[in-house]
Amino acid sequence: MSSPEGMPNYGWYINGKVPNGALCLRIGSGGEVIKVGRDLNLVAKEAGTLYLAIGMTDRYARDSYRFPGEYKVQVKVEKK
């Protein structure tokens, strides 16, 4: 069972930063992938679409591995 923090014992989506199964985000099409985990406060450096995903290596995605669990997300946006 996975959680928003992910499961590092199953490897890393981004080595040492985002474990497989972790909730992560990216802003814009070329932005950096950031681990959200259970809680994250972030000030975006630029405008763009917010993408949320579960970090998973290509091998796990290709082989249809499952990471059962539930991810409920609340997003609050404040314009500066």
Protein backbone atom coordinates (compact mmCIF):
# COMPACT_ATOMS: atom_id res chain seq x y z
CA MET A 1 0.00 0.00 0.00
CA SER A 2 1.36 3.38 -0.95
CA SER A 3 0.86 6.79 0.62
CA PRO A 4 1.53 10.37 -0.50
CA GLU A 5 5.05 9.96 0.96
CA GLY A 6 5.69 7.04 -1.41
CA MET A 7 7.56 3.79 -0.86
CA PRO A 8 11.36 4.19 -1.15
CA ASN A 9 11.78 0.46 -0.52
CA TYR A 10 10.35 0.06 -4.07
CA GLY A 11 12.92 2.40 -5.58
CA TRP A 12 12.97 6.00 -6.63
CA TYR A 13 11.18 7.96 -9.36
CA ILE A 14 13.87 10.64 -8.94
CA ASN A 15 16.84 9.19 -7.09
CA GLY A 16 16.98 10.41 -3.50
CA LYS A 17 14.17 12.96 -4.04
CA VAL A 18 10.90 11.33 -5.10
CA PRO A 19 10.24 7.69 -4.11
CA ASN A 20 7.99 5.49 -6.23
CA GLY A 21 4.36 5.95 -5.27
CA ALA A 22 4.83 9.51 -3.91
CA LEU A 23 2.49 12.35 -4.77
CA CYS A 24 4.43 14.86 -6.85
CA LEU A 25 3.81 18.00 -8.89
CA ARG A 26 5.15 19.97 -11.80
CA ILE A 27 4.25 23.49 -12.89
CA GLY A 28 4.19 23.98 -16.65
CA SER A 29 5.37 21.53 -19.29
CA GLY A 30 9.07 21.88 -18.52
CA GLY A 31 9.05 22.52 -14.80
CA GLU A 32 10.91 20.58 -12.13
CA VAL A 33 9.18 17.56 -10.58
CA ILE A 34 8.74 18.18 -6.84
CA LYS A 35 7.63 15.72 -4.14
CA VAL A 36 4.44 16.94 -2.47
CA GLY A 37 4.11 14.12 0.04
CA ARG A 38 1.57 14.69 2.83
CA ASP A 39 2.01 18.45 2.97
CA LEU A 40 3.75 21.12 0.94
CA ASN A 41 3.70 24.91 0.95
CA LEU A 42 5.13 26.27 -2.27
CA VAL A 43 5.53 29.65 -3.93
CA ALA A 44 5.61 29.15 -7.68
CA LYS A 45 8.42 30.97 -9.46
CA GLU A 46 6.40 31.23 -12.66
CA ALA A 47 2.85 30.84 -13.93
CA GLY A 48 1.72 27.59 -15.53
CA THR A 49 -0.58 24.61 -15.34
CA LEU A 50 -0.30 22.61 -12.10
CA TYR A 51 0.18 18.90 -12.82
CA LEU A 52 -0.23 16.36 -10.00
CA ALA A 53 0.90 12.76 -10.44
CA ILE A 54 2.19 9.68 -8.68
CA GLY A 55 5.94 9.21 -9.11
CA MET A 56 6.61 5.90 -10.86
CA THR A 57 9.60 4.69 -12.85
CA ASP A 58 9.02 3.82 -16.50
CA ARG A 59 9.56 0.13 -15.72
CA TYR A 60 6.72 0.07 -13.20
CA ALA A 61 4.40 1.97 -15.55
CA ARG A 62 5.20 -0.34 -18.51
CA ASP A 63 4.72 -3.50 -16.42
CA SER A 64 1.37 -2.26 -15.03
CA TYR A 65 2.47 -2.26 -11.38
CA ARG A 66 -0.23 -1.08 -9.01
CA PHE A 67 0.18 1.25 -6.05
CA PRO A 68 -3.18 0.95 -4.27
CA GLY A 69 -4.14 3.80 -2.03
CA GLU A 70 -6.01 7.04 -2.02
CA TYR A 71 -4.71 10.54 -2.57
CA LYS A 72 -6.95 13.44 -1.58
CA VAL A 73 -5.53 16.81 -2.56
CA GLN A 74 -6.50 20.32 -1.52
CA VAL A 75 -4.95 23.18 -3.46
CA LYS A 76 -5.10 26.80 -2.35
CA VAL A 77 -3.90 29.44 -4.80
CA GLU A 78 -3.13 32.97 -3.72
CA LYS A 79 -2.24 35.50 -6.37
CA LYS A 80 0.60 37.82 -5.41
